[in-house]
Amino acid sequence: MAKKSKPFAGKKAQTPVRNSAIPKPSASPSKRPVEITHELISRRAYFIHLSGKGGSESDNWYRALQELRAGA
């Protein structure tokens, strides 16, 4: 019988060593606040209208503004 040899006998895998510290994630992610524009409010009010669960134009507008301010 032939002797089976180990594929990596005597060889050690070498991995690079990281000499620097692992950076810690910041406590608060640096997100820029979204600027609530007239266009954003009107789009959201339009989609509220399309949902069939809205009210008058002004109700939809104020609801859209409130949702955008809340981040919904």
PDB file of N, CA and C in Angstrom:
ATOM      1  N   MET A   1       0.816  -1.183   0.000  1.00  0.00           N
ATOM      2  CA  MET A   1       0.000   0.000   0.000  1.00  0.00           C
ATOM      3  C   MET A   1       0.861   1.249   0.000  1.00  0.00           C
ATOM      4  N   ALA A   2       0.398   2.238  -0.751  1.00  0.00           N
ATOM      5  CA  ALA A   2       1.151   3.489  -0.812  1.00  0.00           C
ATOM      6  C   ALA A   2       0.799   4.336   0.392  1.00  0.00           C
ATOM      7  N   LYS A   3       1.776   5.032   0.887  1.00  0.00           N
ATOM      8  CA  LYS A   3       1.584   5.884   2.050  1.00  0.00           C
ATOM      9  C   LYS A   3       0.951   7.208   1.606  1.00  0.00           C
ATOM     10  N   LYS A   4      -0.144   7.591   2.264  1.00  0.00           N
ATOM     11  CA  LYS A   4      -0.815   8.853   1.925  1.00  0.00           C
ATOM     12  C   LYS A   4      -0.094  10.000   2.622  1.00  0.00           C
ATOM     13  N   SER A   5       0.158  11.022   1.889  1.00  0.00           N
ATOM     14  CA  SER A   5       0.818  12.180   2.487  1.00  0.00           C
ATOM     15  C   SER A   5      -0.209  13.260   2.795  1.00  0.00           C
ATOM     16  N   LYS A   6       0.050  14.010   3.822  1.00  0.00           N
ATOM     17  CA  LYS A   6      -0.841  15.108   4.202  1.00  0.00           C
ATOM     18  C   LYS A   6      -0.567  16.281   3.266  1.00  0.00           C
ATOM     19  N   PRO A   7      -1.608  16.943   2.807  1.00  0.00           N
ATOM     20  CA  PRO A   7      -1.408  18.011   1.827  1.00  0.00           C
ATOM     21  C   PRO A   7      -0.563  19.171   2.341  1.00  0.00           C
ATOM     22  N   PHE A   8      -0.664  19.510   3.607  1.00  0.00           N
ATOM     23  CA  PHE A   8       0.082  20.648   4.127  1.00  0.00           C
ATOM     24  C   PHE A   8       0.987  20.236   5.279  1.00  0.00           C
ATOM     25  N   ALA A   9       1.502  19.082   5.196  1.00  0.00           N
ATOM     26  CA  ALA A   9       2.352  18.594   6.276  1.00  0.00           C
ATOM     27  C   ALA A   9       3.598  19.465   6.390  1.00  0.00           C
ATOM     28  N   GLY A  10       3.852  19.966   7.573  1.00  0.00           N
ATOM     29  CA  GLY A  10       5.051  20.744   7.821  1.00  0.00           C
ATOM     30  C   GLY A  10       4.951  22.199   7.390  1.00  0.00           C
ATOM     31  N   LYS A  11       3.880  22.593   6.724  1.00  0.00           N
ATOM     32  CA  LYS A  11       3.730  23.988   6.285  1.00  0.00           C
ATOM     33  C   LYS A  11       2.669  24.663   7.134  1.00  0.00           C
ATOM     34  N   LYS A  12       2.950  25.846   7.574  1.00  0.00           N
ATOM     35  CA  LYS A  12       1.980  26.604   8.355  1.00  0.00           C
ATOM     36  C   LYS A  12       1.465  27.752   7.496  1.00  0.00           C
ATOM     37  N   ALA A  13       0.158  27.955   7.557  1.00  0.00           N
ATOM     38  CA  ALA A  13      -0.428  29.072   6.827  1.00  0.00           C
ATOM     39  C   ALA A  13      -0.068  30.357   7.549  1.00  0.00           C
ATOM     40  N   GLN A  14       0.338  31.330   6.791  1.00  0.00           N
ATOM     41  CA  GLN A  14       0.701  32.604   7.397  1.00  0.00           C
ATOM     42  C   GLN A  14      -0.325  33.654   6.995  1.00  0.00           C
ATOM     43  N   THR A  15      -0.788  34.359   7.992  1.00  0.00           N
ATOM     44  CA  THR A  15      -1.718  35.454   7.747  1.00  0.00           C
ATOM     45  C   THR A  15      -1.060  36.742   8.181  1.00  0.00           C
ATOM     46  N   PRO A  16      -1.334  37.820   7.489  1.00  0.00           N
ATOM     47  CA  PRO A  16      -0.720  39.086   7.879  1.00  0.00           C
ATOM     48  C   PRO A  16      -1.240  39.547   9.239  1.00  0.00           C
ATOM     49  N   VAL A  17      -0.391  40.185   9.987  1.00  0.00           N
ATOM     50  CA  VAL A  17      -0.740  40.672  11.312  1.00  0.00           C
ATOM     51  C   VAL A  17      -1.150  42.124  11.189  1.00  0.00           C
ATOM     52  N   ARG A  18      -2.247  42.438  11.841  1.00  0.00           N
ATOM     53  CA  ARG A  18      -2.709  43.822  11.836  1.00  0.00           C
ATOM     54  C   ARG A  18      -2.077  44.528  13.031  1.00  0.00           C
ATOM     55  N   ASN A  19      -1.292  45.546  12.756  1.00  0.00           N
ATOM     56  CA  ASN A  19      -0.577  46.245  13.816  1.00  0.00           C
ATOM     57  C   ASN A  19      -1.318  47.463  14.340  1.00  0.00           C
ATOM     58  N   SER A  20      -2.438  47.777  13.744  1.00  0.00           N
ATOM     59  CA  SER A  20      -3.175  48.939  14.215  1.00  0.00           C
ATOM     60  C   SER A  20      -4.435  48.482  14.949  1.00  0.00           C
ATOM     61  N   ALA A  21      -4.932  49.345  15.783  1.00  0.00           N
ATOM     62  CA  ALA A  21      -6.143  49.022  16.536  1.00  0.00           C
ATOM     63  C   ALA A  21      -7.343  49.021  15.606  1.00  0.00           C
ATOM     64  N   ILE A  22      -8.318  48.218  15.955  1.00  0.00           N
ATOM     65  CA  ILE A  22      -9.557  48.181  15.167  1.00  0.00           C
ATOM     66  C   ILE A  22     -10.341  49.448  15.490  1.00  0.00           C
ATOM     67  N   PRO A  23     -10.709  50.211  14.493  1.00  0.00           N
ATOM     68  CA  PRO A  23     -11.428  51.454  14.773  1.00  0.00           C
ATOM     69  C   PRO A  23     -12.808  51.169  15.350  1.00  0.00           C
ATOM     70  N   LYS A  24     -13.183  51.932  16.357  1.00  0.00           N
ATOM     71  CA  LYS A  24     -14.489  51.775  16.983  1.00  0.00           C
ATOM     72  C   LYS A  24     -15.508  52.578  16.183  1.00  0.00           C
ATOM     73  N   PRO A  25     -16.706  52.028  16.043  1.00  0.00           N
ATOM     74  CA  PRO A  25     -17.738  52.811  15.347  1.00  0.00           C
ATOM     75  C   PRO A  25     -18.095  54.032  16.184  1.00  0.00           C
ATOM     76  N   SER A  26     -18.404  55.096  15.505  1.00  0.00           N
ATOM     77  CA  SER A  26     -18.742  56.323  16.224  1.00  0.00           C
ATOM     78  C   SER A  26     -20.063  56.127  16.963  1.00  0.00           C
ATOM     79  N   ALA A  27     -20.235  56.848  18.041  1.00  0.00           N
ATOM     80  CA  ALA A  27     -21.426  56.706  18.870  1.00  0.00           C
ATOM     81  C   ALA A  27     -22.685  57.055  18.089  1.00  0.00           C
ATOM     82  N   SER A  28     -22.614  58.114  17.324  1.00  0.00           N
ATOM     83  CA  SER A  28     -23.767  58.481  16.509  1.00  0.00           C
ATOM     84  C   SER A  28     -23.314  58.579  15.056  1.00  0.00           C
ATOM     85  N   PRO A  29     -23.989  57.861  14.176  1.00  0.00           N
ATOM     86  CA  PRO A  29     -23.594  57.936  12.774  1.00  0.00           C
ATOM     87  C   PRO A  29     -23.771  59.353  12.242  1.00  0.00           C
ATOM     88  N   SER A  30     -22.863  59.752  11.387  1.00  0.00           N
ATOM     89  CA  SER A  30     -22.905  61.120  10.882  1.00  0.00           C
ATOM     90  C   SER A  30     -23.890  61.214   9.718  1.00  0.00           C
ATOM     91  N   LYS A  31     -25.147  61.295  10.070  1.00  0.00           N
ATOM     92  CA  LYS A  31     -26.187  61.461   9.052  1.00  0.00           C
ATOM     93  C   LYS A  31     -26.518  62.940   8.949  1.00  0.00           C
ATOM     94  N   ARG A  32     -26.576  63.385   7.726  1.00  0.00           N
ATOM     95  CA  ARG A  32     -26.993  64.767   7.529  1.00  0.00           C
ATOM     96  C   ARG A  32     -28.506  64.823   7.655  1.00  0.00           C
ATOM     97  N   PRO A  33     -29.029  65.801   8.370  1.00  0.00           N
ATOM     98  CA  PRO A  33     -30.483  65.903   8.457  1.00  0.00           C
ATOM     99  C   PRO A  33     -31.069  66.220   7.082  1.00  0.00           C
ATOM    100  N   VAL A  34     -32.165  65.586   6.781  1.00  0.00           N
ATOM    101  CA  VAL A  34     -32.802  65.799   5.494  1.00  0.00           C
ATOM    102  C   VAL A  34     -33.548  67.124   5.525  1.00  0.00           C
ATOM    103  N   GLU A  35     -33.312  67.917   4.527  1.00  0.00           N
ATOM    104  CA  GLU A  35     -33.999  69.195   4.431  1.00  0.00           C
ATOM    105  C   GLU A  35     -35.401  68.958   3.884  1.00  0.00           C
ATOM    106  N   ILE A  36     -36.393  69.383   4.626  1.00  0.00           N
ATOM    107  CA  ILE A  36     -37.782  69.196   4.209  1.00  0.00           C
ATOM    108  C   ILE A  36     -38.140  70.335   3.265  1.00  0.00           C
ATOM    109  N   THR A  37     -38.296  69.979   2.000  1.00  0.00           N
ATOM    110  CA  THR A  37     -38.591  70.986   0.982  1.00  0.00           C
ATOM    111  C   THR A  37     -40.064  70.950   0.597  1.00  0.00           C
ATOM    112  N   HIS A  38     -40.470  71.962  -0.123  1.00  0.00           N
ATOM    113  CA  HIS A  38     -41.842  72.054  -0.622  1.00  0.00           C
ATOM    114  C   HIS A  38     -42.161  70.836  -1.485  1.00  0.00           C
ATOM    115  N   GLU A  39     -41.203  70.423  -2.289  1.00  0.00           N
ATOM    116  CA  GLU A  39     -41.410  69.278  -3.179  1.00  0.00           C
ATOM    117  C   GLU A  39     -41.609  67.986  -2.383  1.00  0.00           C
ATOM    118  N   LEU A  40     -40.819  67.784  -1.330  1.00  0.00           N
ATOM    119  CA  LEU A  40     -40.972  66.579  -0.509  1.00  0.00           C
ATOM    120  C   LEU A  40     -42.346  66.532   0.148  1.00  0.00           C
ATOM    121  N   ILE A  41     -42.779  67.667   0.671  1.00  0.00           N
ATOM    122  CA  ILE A  41     -44.088  67.718   1.324  1.00  0.00           C
ATOM    123  C   ILE A  41     -45.191  67.445   0.318  1.00  0.00           C
ATOM    124  N   SER A  42     -45.091  68.054  -0.864  1.00  0.00           N
ATOM    125  CA  SER A  42     -46.155  67.866  -1.861  1.00  0.00           C
ATOM    126  C   SER A  42     -46.200  66.423  -2.363  1.00  0.00           C
ATOM    127  N   ARG A  43     -45.044  65.803  -2.527  1.00  0.00           N
ATOM    128  CA  ARG A  43     -45.031  64.393  -2.942  1.00  0.00           C
ATOM    129  C   ARG A  43     -45.683  63.504  -1.898  1.00  0.00           C
ATOM    130  N   ARG A  44     -45.299  63.719  -0.636  1.00  0.00           N
ATOM    131  CA  ARG A  44     -45.873  62.897   0.435  1.00  0.00           C
ATOM    132  C   ARG A  44     -47.370  63.142   0.545  1.00  0.00           C
ATOM    133  N   ALA A  45     -47.819  64.380   0.421  1.00  0.00           N
ATOM    134  CA  ALA A  45     -49.245  64.689   0.478  1.00  0.00           C
ATOM    135  C   ALA A  45     -49.982  64.016  -0.681  1.00  0.00           C
ATOM    136  N   TYR A  46     -49.356  63.964  -1.838  1.00  0.00           N
ATOM    137  CA  TYR A  46     -49.965  63.309  -3.002  1.00  0.00           C
ATOM    138  C   TYR A  46     -50.147  61.819  -2.744  1.00  0.00           C
ATOM    139  N   PHE A  47     -49.139  61.179  -2.166  1.00  0.00           N
ATOM    140  CA  PHE A  47     -49.250  59.755  -1.889  1.00  0.00           C
ATOM    141  C   PHE A  47     -50.257  59.473  -0.775  1.00  0.00           C
ATOM    142  N   ILE A  48     -50.393  60.387   0.154  1.00  0.00           N
ATOM    143  CA  ILE A  48     -51.439  60.251   1.179  1.00  0.00           C
ATOM    144  C   ILE A  48     -52.802  60.315   0.500  1.00  0.00           C
ATOM    145  N   HIS A  49     -52.950  61.235  -0.439  1.00  0.00           N
ATOM    146  CA  HIS A  49     -54.197  61.365  -1.203  1.00  0.00           C
ATOM    147  C   HIS A  49     -54.495  60.086  -1.977  1.00  0.00           C
ATOM    148  N   LEU A  50     -53.480  59.521  -2.633  1.00  0.00           N
ATOM    149  CA  LEU A  50     -53.677  58.300  -3.419  1.00  0.00           C
ATOM    150  C   LEU A  50     -54.040  57.097  -2.554  1.00  0.00           C
ATOM    151  N   SER A  51     -53.617  57.102  -1.311  1.00  0.00           N
ATOM    152  CA  SER A  51     -53.893  55.962  -0.440  1.00  0.00           C
ATOM    153  C   SER A  51     -55.371  55.841  -0.106  1.00  0.00           C
ATOM    154  N   GLY A  52     -56.115  56.933  -0.277  1.00  0.00           N
ATOM    155  CA  GLY A  52     -57.536  56.918   0.053  1.00  0.00           C
ATOM    156  C   GLY A  52     -57.803  57.124   1.532  1.00  0.00           C
ATOM    157  N   LYS A  53     -56.763  57.322   2.316  1.00  0.00           N
ATOM    158  CA  LYS A  53     -56.909  57.498   3.754  1.00  0.00           C
ATOM    159  C   LYS A  53     -56.642  58.931   4.179  1.00  0.00           C
ATOM    160  N   GLY A  54     -56.581  59.830   3.214  1.00  0.00           N
ATOM    161  CA  GLY A  54     -56.298  61.222   3.515  1.00  0.00           C
ATOM    162  C   GLY A  54     -57.582  62.007   3.721  1.00  0.00           C
ATOM    163  N   GLY A  55     -57.413  63.285   3.833  1.00  0.00           N
ATOM    164  CA  GLY A  55     -58.562  64.165   4.004  1.00  0.00           C
ATOM    165  C   GLY A  55     -58.555  65.214   2.909  1.00  0.00           C
ATOM    166  N   SER A  56     -58.727  66.457   3.328  1.00  0.00           N
ATOM    167  CA  SER A  56     -58.692  67.550   2.369  1.00  0.00           C
ATOM    168  C   SER A  56     -57.254  67.809   1.952  1.00  0.00           C
ATOM    169  N   GLU A  57     -57.089  68.705   1.011  1.00  0.00           N
ATOM    170  CA  GLU A  57     -55.731  69.033   0.552  1.00  0.00           C
ATOM    171  C   GLU A  57     -54.869  69.551   1.703  1.00  0.00           C
ATOM    172  N   SER A  58     -55.450  70.444   2.491  1.00  0.00           N
ATOM    173  CA  SER A  58     -54.663  71.015   3.595  1.00  0.00           C
ATOM    174  C   SER A  58     -54.400  69.957   4.675  1.00  0.00           C
ATOM    175  N   ASP A  59     -55.373  69.064   4.929  1.00  0.00           N
ATOM    176  CA  ASP A  59     -55.140  67.987   5.894  1.00  0.00           C
ATOM    177  C   ASP A  59     -53.985  67.105   5.440  1.00  0.00           C
ATOM    178  N   ASN A  60     -53.977  66.754   4.157  1.00  0.00           N
ATOM    179  CA  ASN A  60     -52.900  65.922   3.615  1.00  0.00           C
ATOM    180  C   ASN A  60     -51.561  66.636   3.707  1.00  0.00           C
ATOM    181  N   TRP A  61     -51.570  67.937   3.447  1.00  0.00           N
ATOM    182  CA  TRP A  61     -50.340  68.722   3.495  1.00  0.00           C
ATOM    183  C   TRP A  61     -49.751  68.713   4.908  1.00  0.00           C
ATOM    184  N   TYR A  62     -50.593  69.005   5.907  1.00  0.00           N
ATOM    185  CA  TYR A  62     -50.098  69.059   7.277  1.00  0.00           C
ATOM    186  C   TYR A  62     -49.707  67.672   7.791  1.00  0.00           C
ATOM    187  N   ARG A  63     -50.449  66.660   7.358  1.00  0.00           N
ATOM    188  CA  ARG A  63     -50.074  65.290   7.740  1.00  0.00           C
ATOM    189  C   ARG A  63     -48.714  64.924   7.129  1.00  0.00           C
ATOM    190  N   ALA A  64     -48.506  65.282   5.869  1.00  0.00           N
ATOM    191  CA  ALA A  64     -47.232  65.006   5.212  1.00  0.00           C
ATOM    192  C   ALA A  64     -46.094  65.728   5.906  1.00  0.00           C
ATOM    193  N   LEU A  65     -46.318  66.976   6.260  1.00  0.00           N
ATOM    194  CA  LEU A  65     -45.294  67.760   6.965  1.00  0.00           C
ATOM    195  C   LEU A  65     -44.972  67.122   8.317  1.00  0.00           C
ATOM    196  N   GLN A  66     -45.993  66.710   9.026  1.00  0.00           N
ATOM    197  CA  GLN A  66     -45.796  66.074  10.331  1.00  0.00           C
ATOM    198  C   GLN A  66     -45.024  64.761  10.193  1.00  0.00           C
ATOM    199  N   GLU A  67     -45.375  63.950   9.195  1.00  0.00           N
ATOM    200  CA  GLU A  67     -44.674  62.681   8.973  1.00  0.00           C
ATOM    201  C   GLU A  67     -43.208  62.889   8.600  1.00  0.00           C
ATOM    202  N   LEU A  68     -42.957  63.873   7.758  1.00  0.00           N
ATOM    203  CA  LEU A  68     -41.581  64.139   7.356  1.00  0.00           C
ATOM    204  C   LEU A  68     -40.747  64.667   8.526  1.00  0.00           C
ATOM    205  N   ARG A  69     -41.327  65.472   9.356  1.00  0.00           N
ATOM    206  CA  ARG A  69     -40.600  65.989  10.524  1.00  0.00           C
ATOM    207  C   ARG A  69     -40.302  64.883  11.520  1.00  0.00           C
ATOM    208  N   ALA A  70     -41.218  63.918  11.613  1.00  0.00           N
ATOM    209  CA  ALA A  70     -41.043  62.806  12.548  1.00  0.00           C
ATOM    210  C   ALA A  70     -40.089  61.764  12.001  1.00  0.00           C
ATOM    211  N   GLY A  71     -39.797  61.851  10.697  1.00  0.00           N
ATOM    212  CA  GLY A  71     -38.885  60.897  10.085  1.00  0.00           C
ATOM    213  C   GLY A  71     -39.569  59.624   9.650  1.00  0.00           C
ATOM    214  N   ALA A  72     -40.866  59.670   9.522  1.00  0.00           N
ATOM    215  CA  ALA A  72     -41.615  58.460   9.116  1.00  0.00           C
ATOM    216  C   ALA A  72     -41.470  58.171   7.653  1.00  0.00           C
TER     217      ALA A  72
END
